[in-house]
C-alpha atoms as a PDB file:
ATOM      1  CA  MET A   1      22.215  -1.414   2.714  1.00  0.00           C
ATOM      2  CA  SER A   2      20.591  -1.752   6.122  1.00  0.00           C
ATOM      3  CA  ASP A   3      19.592  -5.056   7.655  1.00  0.00           C
ATOM      4  CA  GLY A   4      16.000  -4.365   6.658  1.00  0.00           C
ATOM      5  CA  THR A   5      16.552  -4.880   2.954  1.00  0.00           C
ATOM      6  CA  TYR A   6      14.710  -7.455   0.924  1.00  0.00           C
ATOM      7  CA  ALA A   7      17.223 -10.256   1.381  1.00  0.00           C
ATOM      8  CA  GLY A   8      15.142 -12.334   3.773  1.00  0.00           C
ATOM      9  CA  GLY A   9      13.949  -9.496   6.002  1.00  0.00           C
ATOM     10  CA  THR A  10      10.424  -8.573   7.030  1.00  0.00           C
ATOM     11  CA  ALA A  11       9.392  -4.925   7.170  1.00  0.00           C
ATOM     12  CA  ILE A  12       5.860  -5.312   8.556  1.00  0.00           C
ATOM     13  CA  GLU A  13       4.071  -8.300  10.013  1.00  0.00           C
ATOM     14  CA  ALA A  14       0.478  -8.095  11.245  1.00  0.00           C
ATOM     15  CA  VAL A  15      -0.973 -11.000  13.189  1.00  0.00           C
ATOM     16  CA  GLY A  16      -4.643 -11.102  14.166  1.00  0.00           C
ATOM     17  CA  LEU A  17      -4.592  -7.312  14.071  1.00  0.00           C
ATOM     18  CA  GLY A  18      -7.753  -5.499  15.062  1.00  0.00           C
ATOM     19  CA  ARG A  19      -8.728  -1.921  15.848  1.00  0.00           C
ATOM     20  CA  ARG A  20     -12.145  -0.978  17.140  1.00  0.00           C
ATOM     21  CA  TYR A  21     -13.716   2.466  17.271  1.00  0.00           C
ATOM     22  CA  ARG A  22     -17.055   3.432  18.787  1.00  0.00           C
ATOM     23  CA  ARG A  23     -18.763   2.878  15.447  1.00  0.00           C
ATOM     24  CA  GLY A  24     -17.324  -0.619  15.109  1.00  0.00           C
ATOM     25  CA  TRP A  25     -14.273  -2.500  13.870  1.00  0.00           C
ATOM     26  CA  ALA A  26     -12.027  -0.752  11.329  1.00  0.00           C
ATOM     27  CA  LEU A  27      -9.687  -3.765  11.194  1.00  0.00           C
ATOM     28  CA  ARG A  28     -10.398  -7.271  12.391  1.00  0.00           C
ATOM     29  CA  ASP A  29      -8.299 -10.453  12.233  1.00  0.00           C
ATOM     30  CA  CYS A  30      -5.886  -8.788   9.827  1.00  0.00           C
ATOM     31  CA  SER A  31      -2.803 -10.937   9.167  1.00  0.00           C
ATOM     32  CA  PHE A  32      -0.125 -10.478   6.499  1.00  0.00           C
ATOM     33  CA  ARG A  33       3.614 -10.018   6.037  1.00  0.00           C
ATOM     34  CA  LEU A  34       5.391  -7.426   3.905  1.00  0.00           C
ATOM     35  CA  PRO A  35       8.957  -8.439   2.958  1.00  0.00           C
ATOM     36  CA  ALA A  36      11.500  -5.648   3.249  1.00  0.00           C
ATOM     37  CA  GLY A  37      12.576  -3.829   0.116  1.00  0.00           C
ATOM     38  CA  ARG A  38       9.227  -4.033  -1.670  1.00  0.00           C
ATOM     39  CA  ILE A  39       6.969  -1.237  -2.948  1.00  0.00           C
ATOM     40  CA  CYS A  40       3.519  -2.275  -1.797  1.00  0.00           C
ATOM     41  CA  GLY A  41       0.174  -0.847  -2.840  1.00  0.00           C
ATOM     42  CA  LEU A  42      -2.398  -0.825  -0.034  1.00  0.00           C
ATOM     43  CA  VAL A  43      -5.816  -0.880  -1.690  1.00  0.00           C
ATOM     44  CA  GLY A  44      -9.381  -0.976  -0.429  1.00  0.00           C
ATOM     45  CA  PRO A  45     -12.682   0.908  -0.450  1.00  0.00           C
ATOM     46  CA  ASN A  46     -13.308   3.879   1.814  1.00  0.00           C
ATOM     47  CA  GLY A  47     -13.614   2.750   5.420  1.00  0.00           C
ATOM     48  CA  ALA A  48     -11.758  -0.520   4.799  1.00  0.00           C
ATOM     49  CA  GLY A  49      -9.108   0.244   7.422  1.00  0.00           C
ATOM     50  CA  LYS A  50      -6.182   1.376   5.249  1.00  0.00           C
ATOM     51  CA  THR A  51      -5.476   4.550   7.218  1.00  0.00           C
ATOM     52  CA  THR A  52      -5.941   2.702  10.497  1.00  0.00           C
ATOM     53  CA  LEU A  53      -3.375   0.104   9.428  1.00  0.00           C
ATOM     54  CA  LEU A  54      -0.859   2.781   8.444  1.00  0.00           C
ATOM     55  CA  ARG A  55      -1.366   4.673  11.698  1.00  0.00           C
ATOM     56  CA  ILE A  56      -0.781   1.552  13.765  1.00  0.00           C
ATOM     57  CA  ALA A  57       2.435   0.870  11.822  1.00  0.00           C
ATOM     58  CA  ALA A  58       3.482   4.504  12.394  1.00  0.00           C
ATOM     59  CA  ASN A  59       2.778   4.273  16.146  1.00  0.00           C
ATOM     60  CA  VAL A  60       0.000   6.854  15.930  1.00  0.00           C
ATOM     61  CA  LEU A  61      -2.642   4.335  17.036  1.00  0.00           C
ATOM     62  CA  GLU A  62      -2.557   1.223  19.192  1.00  0.00           C
ATOM     63  CA  PRO A  63      -4.355  -1.952  18.121  1.00  0.00           C
ATOM     64  CA  THR A  64      -7.349  -3.201  20.071  1.00  0.00           C
ATOM     65  CA  ARG A  65      -6.128  -6.759  19.607  1.00  0.00           C
ATOM     66  CA  GLY A  66      -3.412  -8.677  17.828  1.00  0.00           C
ATOM     67  CA  THR A  67       0.060  -7.405  16.996  1.00  0.00           C
ATOM     68  CA  LEU A  68       1.946  -5.496  14.337  1.00  0.00           C
ATOM     69  CA  SER A  69       5.734  -5.470  14.180  1.00  0.00           C
ATOM     70  CA  VAL A  70       8.087  -3.190  12.251  1.00  0.00           C
ATOM     71  CA  PHE A  71      11.395  -4.859  11.358  1.00  0.00           C
ATOM     72  CA  GLY A  72      10.710  -7.385  14.092  1.00  0.00           C
ATOM     73  CA  GLY A  73       9.969  -4.892  16.880  1.00  0.00           C
ATOM     74  CA  ALA A  74       6.976  -2.981  18.203  1.00  0.00           C
ATOM     75  CA  PRO A  75       6.160   0.308  16.418  1.00  0.00           C
ATOM     76  CA  ASP A  76       6.690   2.262  19.654  1.00  0.00           C
ATOM     77  CA  THR A  77      10.371   1.334  19.972  1.00  0.00           C
ATOM     78  CA  ALA A  78      13.092   3.888  19.301  1.00  0.00           C
ATOM     79  CA  GLU A  79      14.508   1.632  16.571  1.00  0.00           C
ATOM     80  CA  ALA A  80      11.197   1.487  14.698  1.00  0.00           C
ATOM     81  CA  GLY A  81      10.751   5.249  15.045  1.00  0.00           C
ATOM     82  CA  ARG A  82      14.205   5.909  13.649  1.00  0.00           C
ATOM     83  CA  ARG A  83      13.662   3.650  10.645  1.00  0.00           C
ATOM     84  CA  THR A  84      10.092   4.701   9.770  1.00  0.00           C
ATOM     85  CA  ALA A  85       8.661   7.820   8.112  1.00  0.00           C
ATOM     86  CA  TYR A  86       4.917   8.433   7.857  1.00  0.00           C
ATOM     87  CA  LEU A  87       3.215  10.839   5.477  1.00  0.00           C
ATOM     88  CA  ALA A  88      -0.392  11.273   6.590  1.00  0.00           C
ATOM     89  CA  GLN A  89      -3.177  12.059   4.145  1.00  0.00           C
ATOM     90  CA  GLU A  90      -3.738  15.511   5.651  1.00  0.00           C
ATOM     91  CA  LYS A  91       0.040  16.223   5.524  1.00  0.00           C
ATOM     92  CA  PRO A  92       0.202  18.268   8.747  1.00  0.00           C
ATOM     93  CA  LEU A  93       2.775  21.066   8.646  1.00  0.00           C
ATOM     94  CA  PHE A  94       3.348  24.175  10.784  1.00  0.00           C
ATOM     95  CA  ARG A  95       1.670  26.851   8.669  1.00  0.00           C
ATOM     96  CA  ARG A  96       3.614  29.740  10.228  1.00  0.00           C
ATOM     97  CA  PHE A  97       6.996  28.161   9.483  1.00  0.00           C
ATOM     98  CA  SER A  98       8.893  28.851   6.311  1.00  0.00           C
ATOM     99  CA  VAL A  99       9.929  25.944   4.112  1.00  0.00           C
ATOM    100  CA  ALA A 100      13.521  26.286   5.328  1.00  0.00           C
ATOM    101  CA  GLU A 101      12.371  26.283   8.961  1.00  0.00           C
ATOM    102  CA  THR A 102      10.277  23.188   8.289  1.00  0.00           C
ATOM    103  CA  LEU A 103      13.285  21.354   6.892  1.00  0.00           C
ATOM    104  CA  ARG A 104      15.377  22.511   9.839  1.00  0.00           C
ATOM    105  CA  VAL A 105      12.841  20.895  12.185  1.00  0.00           C
ATOM    106  CA  GLY A 106      13.251  17.674  10.204  1.00  0.00           C
ATOM    107  CA  ARG A 107      17.024  17.895  10.584  1.00  0.00           C
ATOM    108  CA  GLU A 108      16.842  18.541  14.339  1.00  0.00           C
ATOM    109  CA  LEU A 109      14.391  15.677  14.916  1.00  0.00           C
ATOM    110  CA  ASN A 110      16.501  13.228  12.899  1.00  0.00           C
ATOM    111  CA  PRO A 111      20.110  14.170  13.651  1.00  0.00           C
ATOM    112  CA  GLY A 112      21.628  10.823  12.763  1.00  0.00           C
ATOM    113  CA  THR A 113      19.860  10.143   9.485  1.00  0.00           C
ATOM    114  CA  TRP A 114      18.817  13.472   7.974  1.00  0.00           C
ATOM    115  CA  ASP A 115      19.824  14.208   4.369  1.00  0.00           C
ATOM    116  CA  GLN A 116      19.484  17.967   3.828  1.00  0.00           C
ATOM    117  CA  ARG A 117      20.459  17.811   0.171  1.00  0.00           C
ATOM    118  CA  ALA A 118      17.805  15.202  -0.655  1.00  0.00           C
ATOM    119  CA  ALA A 119      15.118  17.247   1.108  1.00  0.00           C
ATOM    120  CA  GLU A 120      16.114  20.521  -0.551  1.00  0.00           C
ATOM    121  CA  ASP A 121      16.356  18.885  -3.984  1.00  0.00           C
ATOM    122  CA  ILE A 122      12.716  17.774  -3.768  1.00  0.00           C
ATOM    123  CA  VAL A 123      11.617  21.272  -2.777  1.00  0.00           C
ATOM    124  CA  ARG A 124      13.699  23.060  -5.402  1.00  0.00           C
ATOM    125  CA  ALA A 125      12.527  20.692  -8.149  1.00  0.00           C
ATOM    126  CA  GLY A 126       9.059  22.168  -7.654  1.00  0.00           C
ATOM    127  CA  LYS A 127      10.395  25.731  -7.591  1.00  0.00           C
ATOM    128  CA  VAL A 128       9.123  26.177  -4.030  1.00  0.00           C
ATOM    129  CA  PRO A 129      10.955  29.121  -2.368  1.00  0.00           C
ATOM    130  CA  LEU A 130      12.744  28.101   0.817  1.00  0.00           C
ATOM    131  CA  ASP A 131      11.736  31.389   2.470  1.00  0.00           C
ATOM    132  CA  ALA A 132       8.012  30.983   1.659  1.00  0.00           C
ATOM    133  CA  LYS A 133       5.629  30.409   4.556  1.00  0.00           C
ATOM    134  CA  VAL A 134       3.835  27.065   4.500  1.00  0.00           C
ATOM    135  CA  ALA A 135       0.495  28.896   4.800  1.00  0.00           C
ATOM    136  CA  THR A 136       1.097  30.605   1.436  1.00  0.00           C
ATOM    137  CA  LEU A 137       1.795  27.402  -0.490  1.00  0.00           C
ATOM    138  CA  SER A 138      -0.625  25.614  -2.769  1.00  0.00           C
ATOM    139  CA  GLY A 139      -1.846  22.133  -1.869  1.00  0.00           C
ATOM    140  CA  GLY A 140       0.583  20.567  -4.303  1.00  0.00           C
ATOM    141  CA  GLN A 141       3.504  22.609  -2.937  1.00  0.00           C
ATOM    142  CA  ARG A 142       2.670  21.587   0.635  1.00  0.00           C
ATOM    143  CA  THR A 143       2.624  17.967  -0.493  1.00  0.00           C
ATOM    144  CA  ARG A 144       6.081  18.427  -1.968  1.00  0.00           C
ATOM    145  CA  VAL A 145       7.390  19.855   1.317  1.00  0.00           C
ATOM    146  CA  ALA A 146       5.824  16.952   3.218  1.00  0.00           C
ATOM    147  CA  PHE A 147       7.530  14.537   0.807  1.00  0.00           C
ATOM    148  CA  ALA A 148      10.821  16.336   1.426  1.00  0.00           C
ATOM    149  CA  LEU A 149      10.433  15.770   5.177  1.00  0.00           C
ATOM    150  CA  ALA A 150       9.729  12.085   4.640  1.00  0.00           C
ATOM    151  CA  PHE A 151      12.568  11.484   2.169  1.00  0.00           C
ATOM    152  CA  GLY A 152      15.019  13.658   4.111  1.00  0.00           C
ATOM    153  CA  LYS A 153      14.757  11.252   7.028  1.00  0.00           C
ATOM    154  CA  ARG A 154      16.137   8.473   4.787  1.00  0.00           C
ATOM    155  CA  PRO A 155      13.807   5.880   6.292  1.00  0.00           C
ATOM    156  CA  ASP A 156      13.972   2.140   5.808  1.00  0.00           C
ATOM    157  CA  LEU A 157      10.154   2.056   5.828  1.00  0.00           C
ATOM    158  CA  LEU A 158       8.059   4.753   4.179  1.00  0.00           C
ATOM    159  CA  LEU A 159       4.326   4.809   4.986  1.00  0.00           C
ATOM    160  CA  LEU A 160       2.269   6.911   2.578  1.00  0.00           C
ATOM    161  CA  ASP A 161      -1.464   7.575   2.982  1.00  0.00           C
ATOM    162  CA  GLU A 162      -2.973   8.766  -0.326  1.00  0.00           C
ATOM    163  CA  PRO A 163       0.159  10.841  -0.974  1.00  0.00           C
ATOM    164  CA  MET A 164      -0.669  12.047  -4.495  1.00  0.00           C
ATOM    165  CA  SER A 165      -4.349  12.938  -4.109  1.00  0.00           C
ATOM    166  CA  ASP A 166      -3.885  16.712  -4.501  1.00  0.00           C
ATOM    167  CA  LEU A 167      -1.240  16.697  -7.235  1.00  0.00           C
ATOM    168  CA  ASP A 168      -1.618  17.292 -10.946  1.00  0.00           C
ATOM    169  CA  PRO A 169      -0.565  14.406 -13.231  1.00  0.00           C
ATOM    170  CA  VAL A 170       2.832  15.891 -14.129  1.00  0.00           C
ATOM    171  CA  VAL A 171       3.914  16.471 -10.515  1.00  0.00           C
ATOM    172  CA  ARG A 172       2.446  13.107  -9.491  1.00  0.00           C
ATOM    173  CA  HIS A 173       4.540  11.371 -12.131  1.00  0.00           C
ATOM    174  CA  GLU A 174       7.670  13.257 -11.046  1.00  0.00           C
ATOM    175  CA  LEU A 175       7.277  12.449  -7.356  1.00  0.00           C
ATOM    176  CA  MET A 176       6.459   8.843  -8.154  1.00  0.00           C
ATOM    177  CA  GLY A 177       9.749   8.710 -10.040  1.00  0.00           C
ATOM    178  CA  THR A 178      11.516  10.102  -6.974  1.00  0.00           C
ATOM    179  CA  LEU A 179       9.849   7.436  -4.882  1.00  0.00           C
ATOM    180  CA  MET A 180      11.002   4.676  -7.231  1.00  0.00           C
ATOM    181  CA  ALA A 181      14.564   6.006  -7.318  1.00  0.00           C
ATOM    182  CA  GLU A 182      14.683   6.185  -3.509  1.00  0.00           C
ATOM    183  CA  ALA A 183      13.447   2.631  -3.141  1.00  0.00           C
ATOM    184  CA  ALA A 184      15.871   1.315  -5.761  1.00  0.00           C
ATOM    185  CA  GLU A 185      18.886   3.160  -4.343  1.00  0.00           C
ATOM    186  CA  ARG A 186      18.427   2.342  -0.671  1.00  0.00           C
ATOM    187  CA  GLY A 187      16.190  -0.722  -0.607  1.00  0.00           C
ATOM    188  CA  THR A 188      13.480   1.332   1.089  1.00  0.00           C
ATOM    189  CA  THR A 189      10.255  -0.506   1.838  1.00  0.00           C
ATOM    190  CA  VAL A 190       7.179   1.479   0.801  1.00  0.00           C
ATOM    191  CA  LEU A 191       3.599   0.857   1.907  1.00  0.00           C
ATOM    192  CA  MET A 192       1.350   3.248   0.006  1.00  0.00           C
ATOM    193  CA  SER A 193      -2.420   3.535   0.043  1.00  0.00           C
ATOM    194  CA  THR A 194      -4.036   4.989  -3.064  1.00  0.00           C
ATOM    195  CA  HIS A 195      -7.298   5.124  -4.998  1.00  0.00           C
ATOM    196  CA  VAL A 196      -5.523   5.685  -8.325  1.00  0.00           C
ATOM    197  CA  LEU A 197      -5.271   2.046  -9.383  1.00  0.00           C
ATOM    198  CA  ALA A 198      -3.680   2.800 -12.735  1.00  0.00           C
ATOM    199  CA  GLU A 199      -0.655   4.323 -10.960  1.00  0.00           C
ATOM    200  CA  LEU A 200       0.132   1.068  -9.204  1.00  0.00           C
ATOM    201  CA  GLU A 201       0.731  -0.824 -12.445  1.00  0.00           C
ATOM    202  CA  ASN A 202       4.231   0.549 -13.071  1.00  0.00           C
ATOM    203  CA  VAL A 203       5.199   1.236  -9.461  1.00  0.00           C
ATOM    204  CA  CYS A 204       4.228  -1.547  -7.082  1.00  0.00           C
ATOM    205  CA  ASP A 205       5.672  -5.051  -6.994  1.00  0.00           C
ATOM    206  CA  TYR A 206       3.569  -6.091  -4.002  1.00  0.00           C
ATOM    207  CA  LEU A 207      -0.105  -5.732  -3.078  1.00  0.00           C
ATOM    208  CA  VAL A 208      -2.264  -5.817   0.024  1.00  0.00           C
ATOM    209  CA  VAL A 209      -6.021  -5.481  -0.499  1.00  0.00           C
ATOM    210  CA  VAL A 210      -8.221  -4.881   2.532  1.00  0.00           C
ATOM    211  CA  ALA A 211     -12.017  -4.939   2.609  1.00  0.00           C
ATOM    212  CA  GLU A 212     -14.514  -5.197   5.439  1.00  0.00           C
ATOM    213  CA  GLY A 213     -11.643  -4.954   7.923  1.00  0.00           C
ATOM    214  CA  GLY A 214      -9.676  -7.978   6.702  1.00  0.00           C
ATOM    215  CA  VAL A 215      -7.037  -8.856   4.118  1.00  0.00           C
ATOM    216  CA  ARG A 216      -8.579 -10.130   0.888  1.00  0.00           C
ATOM    217  CA  LEU A 217      -5.490 -10.327  -1.303  1.00  0.00           C
ATOM    218  CA  ALA A 218      -1.782 -10.088  -0.491  1.00  0.00           C
ATOM    219  CA  GLY A 219       1.458 -11.033  -2.154  1.00  0.00           C
ATOM    220  CA  ASP A 220       3.900 -10.495  -4.978  1.00  0.00           C
ATOM    221  CA  VAL A 221       2.188  -8.862  -7.959  1.00  0.00           C
ATOM    222  CA  ASP A 222       3.404 -11.396 -10.514  1.00  0.00           C
ATOM    223  CA  GLU A 223       2.343 -14.329  -8.324  1.00  0.00           C
ATOM    224  CA  LEU A 224      -1.099 -12.840  -7.813  1.00  0.00           C
ATOM    225  CA  LEU A 225      -1.607 -12.102 -11.500  1.00  0.00           C
ATOM    226  CA  TYR A 226      -0.513 -15.554 -12.663  1.00  0.00           C
ATOM    227  CA  ALA A 227      -2.762 -17.179 -10.068  1.00  0.00           C
ATOM    228  CA  HIS A 228      -5.782 -15.777 -11.941  1.00  0.00           C
ATOM    229  CA  THR A 229      -7.218 -16.157 -15.416  1.00  0.00           C
ATOM    230  CA  ARG A 230      -9.506 -13.756 -17.221  1.00  0.00           C
ATOM    231  CA  VAL A 231     -12.088 -15.656 -19.265  1.00  0.00           C
ATOM    232  CA  THR A 232     -14.222 -14.115 -22.015  1.00  0.00           C
ATOM    233  CA  GLY A 233     -16.875 -15.996 -23.973  1.00  0.00           C
ATOM    234  CA  ALA A 234     -20.382 -16.089 -25.415  1.00  0.00           C
ATOM    235  CA  ARG A 235     -23.236 -16.162 -22.903  1.00  0.00           C
ATOM    236  CA  GLU A 236     -25.542 -19.156 -22.857  1.00  0.00           C
ATOM    237  CA  GLY A 237     -28.195 -17.939 -20.463  1.00  0.00           C
ATOM    238  CA  GLU A 238     -27.773 -16.009 -17.239  1.00  0.00           C
ATOM    239  CA  ALA A 239     -25.521 -18.453 -15.396  1.00  0.00           C
ATOM    240  CA  LEU A 240     -21.797 -18.891 -15.863  1.00  0.00           C
ATOM    241  CA  PRO A 241     -20.950 -21.975 -17.987  1.00  0.00           C
ATOM    242  CA  GLU A 242     -20.842 -25.013 -15.707  1.00  0.00           C
ATOM    243  CA  PRO A 243     -17.212 -26.012 -16.490  1.00  0.00           C
ATOM    244  CA  LEU A 244     -16.023 -22.641 -15.136  1.00  0.00           C
ATOM    245  CA  THR A 245     -17.827 -23.115 -11.826  1.00  0.00           C
ATOM    246  CA  ARG A 246     -15.399 -25.938 -11.049  1.00  0.00           C
ATOM    247  CA  HIS A 247     -12.792 -23.248 -10.549  1.00  0.00           C
ATOM    248  CA  THR A 248     -12.710 -20.566  -7.839  1.00  0.00           C
ATOM    249  CA  VAL A 249     -14.743 -17.741  -9.366  1.00  0.00           C
ATOM    250  CA  VAL A 250     -13.737 -14.315  -8.082  1.00  0.00           C
ATOM    251  CA  GLU A 251     -16.142 -12.361 -10.266  1.00  0.00           C
ATOM    252  CA  SER A 252     -18.344 -12.853 -13.304  1.00  0.00           C
ATOM    253  CA  ARG A 253     -20.158 -10.160 -15.282  1.00  0.00           C
ATOM    254  CA  GLY A 254     -22.340 -10.124 -18.351  1.00  0.00           C
ATOM    255  CA  SER A 255     -22.049  -7.622 -21.163  1.00  0.00           C
ATOM    256  CA  GLY A 256     -24.583  -8.092 -23.929  1.00  0.00           C
ATOM    257  CA  ARG A 257     -24.070 -11.549 -25.382  1.00  0.00           C
ATOM    258  CA  GLN A 258     -20.698 -11.930 -23.715  1.00  0.00           C
ATOM    259  CA  PHE A 259     -19.507 -12.805 -20.221  1.00  0.00           C
ATOM    260  CA  ILE A 260     -16.264 -11.872 -18.517  1.00  0.00           C
ATOM    261  CA  ALA A 261     -15.078 -13.864 -15.525  1.00  0.00           C
ATOM    262  CA  LEU A 262     -12.030 -13.775 -13.301  1.00  0.00           C
ATOM    263  CA  VAL A 263     -11.185 -17.188 -11.881  1.00  0.00           C
ATOM    264  CA  ARG A 264      -8.468 -18.839  -9.828  1.00  0.00           C
ATOM    265  CA  PRO A 265      -7.948 -22.023 -11.840  1.00  0.00           C
ATOM    266  CA  ASP A 266      -8.130 -25.361 -10.058  1.00  0.00           C
ATOM    267  CA  GLY A 267      -6.707 -27.004 -13.175  1.00  0.00           C
ATOM    268  CA  PRO A 268      -6.717 -26.282 -16.935  1.00  0.00           C
ATOM    269  CA  VAL A 269      -9.324 -23.738 -18.075  1.00  0.00           C
ATOM    270  CA  THR A 270     -10.637 -25.372 -21.225  1.00  0.00           C
ATOM    271  CA  GLY A 271     -13.620 -24.480 -23.363  1.00  0.00           C
ATOM    272  CA  PRO A 272     -14.734 -22.283 -26.276  1.00  0.00           C
ATOM    273  CA  TRP A 273     -13.477 -19.121 -24.541  1.00  0.00           C
ATOM    274  CA  ASP A 274     -10.641 -16.638 -24.722  1.00  0.00           C
ATOM    275  CA  THR A 275      -8.304 -16.698 -21.729  1.00  0.00           C
ATOM    276  CA  ASP A 276      -5.504 -14.397 -20.648  1.00  0.00           C
ATOM    277  CA  THR A 277      -3.764 -13.028 -17.573  1.00  0.00           C
ATOM    278  CA  PRO A 278      -5.572 -10.044 -16.026  1.00  0.00           C
ATOM    279  CA  THR A 279      -3.975  -6.657 -15.619  1.00  0.00           C
ATOM    280  CA  MET A 280      -3.335  -5.393 -12.108  1.00  0.00           C
ATOM    281  CA  GLU A 281      -6.232  -2.958 -12.388  1.00  0.00           C
ATOM    282  CA  GLU A 282      -8.608  -5.727 -13.518  1.00  0.00           C
ATOM    283  CA  LEU A 283      -7.484  -7.922 -10.619  1.00  0.00           C
ATOM    284  CA  LEU A 284      -7.934  -5.169  -8.034  1.00  0.00           C
ATOM    285  CA  LEU A 285     -11.319  -4.061  -9.344  1.00  0.00           C
ATOM    286  CA  ALA A 286     -12.607  -7.633  -9.275  1.00  0.00           C
ATOM    287  CA  TYR A 287     -11.662  -8.094  -5.617  1.00  0.00           C
ATOM    288  CA  LEU A 288     -12.974  -4.653  -4.666  1.00  0.00           C
ATOM    289  CA  ARG A 289     -16.318  -5.368  -6.342  1.00  0.00           C
ATOM    290  CA  SER A 290     -16.567  -8.916  -4.991  1.00  0.00           C
ATOM    291  CA  THR A 291     -15.778  -8.648  -1.285  1.00  0.00           C
ATOM    292  CA  GLY A 292     -17.198 -12.132  -0.722  1.00  0.00           C
ATOM    293  CA  ALA A 293     -14.604 -13.796  -2.945  1.00  0.00           C
ATOM    294  CA  PRO A 294     -12.293 -16.208  -1.116  1.00  0.00           C
ATOM    295  CA  PRO A 295      -9.133 -14.392   0.030  1.00  0.00           C
ATOM    296  CA  LEU A 296      -5.735 -15.240  -1.423  1.00  0.00           C
ATOM    297  CA  ILE A 297      -2.551 -14.742   0.594  1.00  0.00           C
ATOM    298  CA  THR A 298       0.557 -15.953  -1.239  1.00  0.00           C
ATOM    299  CA  PRO A 299       3.332 -17.711   0.753  1.00  0.00           C
ATOM    300  CA  THR A 300       5.567 -14.600   0.870  1.00  0.00           C
ATOM    301  CA  ALA A 301       2.712 -12.619   2.452  1.00  0.00           C
ATOM    302  CA  GLU A 302       1.673 -15.159   5.063  1.00  0.00           C
ATOM    303  CA  ALA A 303       2.221 -14.100   8.663  1.00  0.00           C
ATOM    304  CA  ARG A 304       4.756 -16.424  10.217  1.00  0.00           C
ATOM    305  CA  VAL A 305       3.464 -16.196  13.797  1.00  0.00           C
ATOM    306  CA  ASP A 306       0.695 -18.286  15.341  1.00  0.00           C
ATOM    307  CA  THR A 307      -2.314 -16.020  14.817  1.00  0.00           C
ATOM    308  CA  ARG A 308      -4.319 -17.798  17.517  1.00  0.00           C
ATOM    309  CA  ARG A 309      -1.638 -17.097  20.118  1.00  0.00           C
ATOM    310  CA  ALA A 310      -1.171 -13.471  19.044  1.00  0.00           C
ATOM    311  CA  ALA A 311      -4.899 -12.704  19.021  1.00  0.00           C
ATOM    312  CA  ALA A 312      -5.556 -14.371  22.375  1.00  0.00           C
END
């Protein structure tokens, strides 16, 4: 395995990262660390800065302030470019090229790392003719070709922006399996933005949630889940029962005579209620609905650089 694998390495580290457009800040004071070798779901509402973050990591955009490093170096270095593959949401391809010509471009641009067999296997698995022009392919077929380009590069870091949005469930499941196999075989780090929260449950072992330009939640999935408790009980008026307010309340909702709350316990959660660990989808939805909830960055996701110095 390469030196970017999970054993102590860092794939991405953002410190005081900010990007401003004419309409305002897309990212602001964004700090987190993604250990190498993890499959990370990047989640947030529309306009939260997910695509901006991915484009900065892919050296498509420059930050307005702060820093982002890829395997310890700037995204614009030759080393970062060699080790990183980026699949944009629009999946740009040369429409006049055939599939075979498209893969040949990938081979010529990545002479030291290109895996022709891996790229062709992904294309052939979808029964996409190698001599077909890209312009004649369906949206799902074009996505498959774009995936082939990304996987053929054999990157150490794979950046995916809503990669499955135009695929039917069967193809989505197949390509997600390919993604998992690639990550397991080579220790590839994956940072993937998606709106399909249910897909993350069996794929991602790491999460980064962004909202209003900043990081709201980041860390190992198991750590994040076990740091929260889902509480269900009978309502006694409109307010949450007073003993629960002693904990950090992420979200509370009423449903008929019952309340459901997600809390970060500051001690034992005791009372006449049912408690359990939330699912990943429940956790993500709570933070997406409650953007004012206190952020939680677990130790493995904390940026290790002085954010004040980097943002200065």
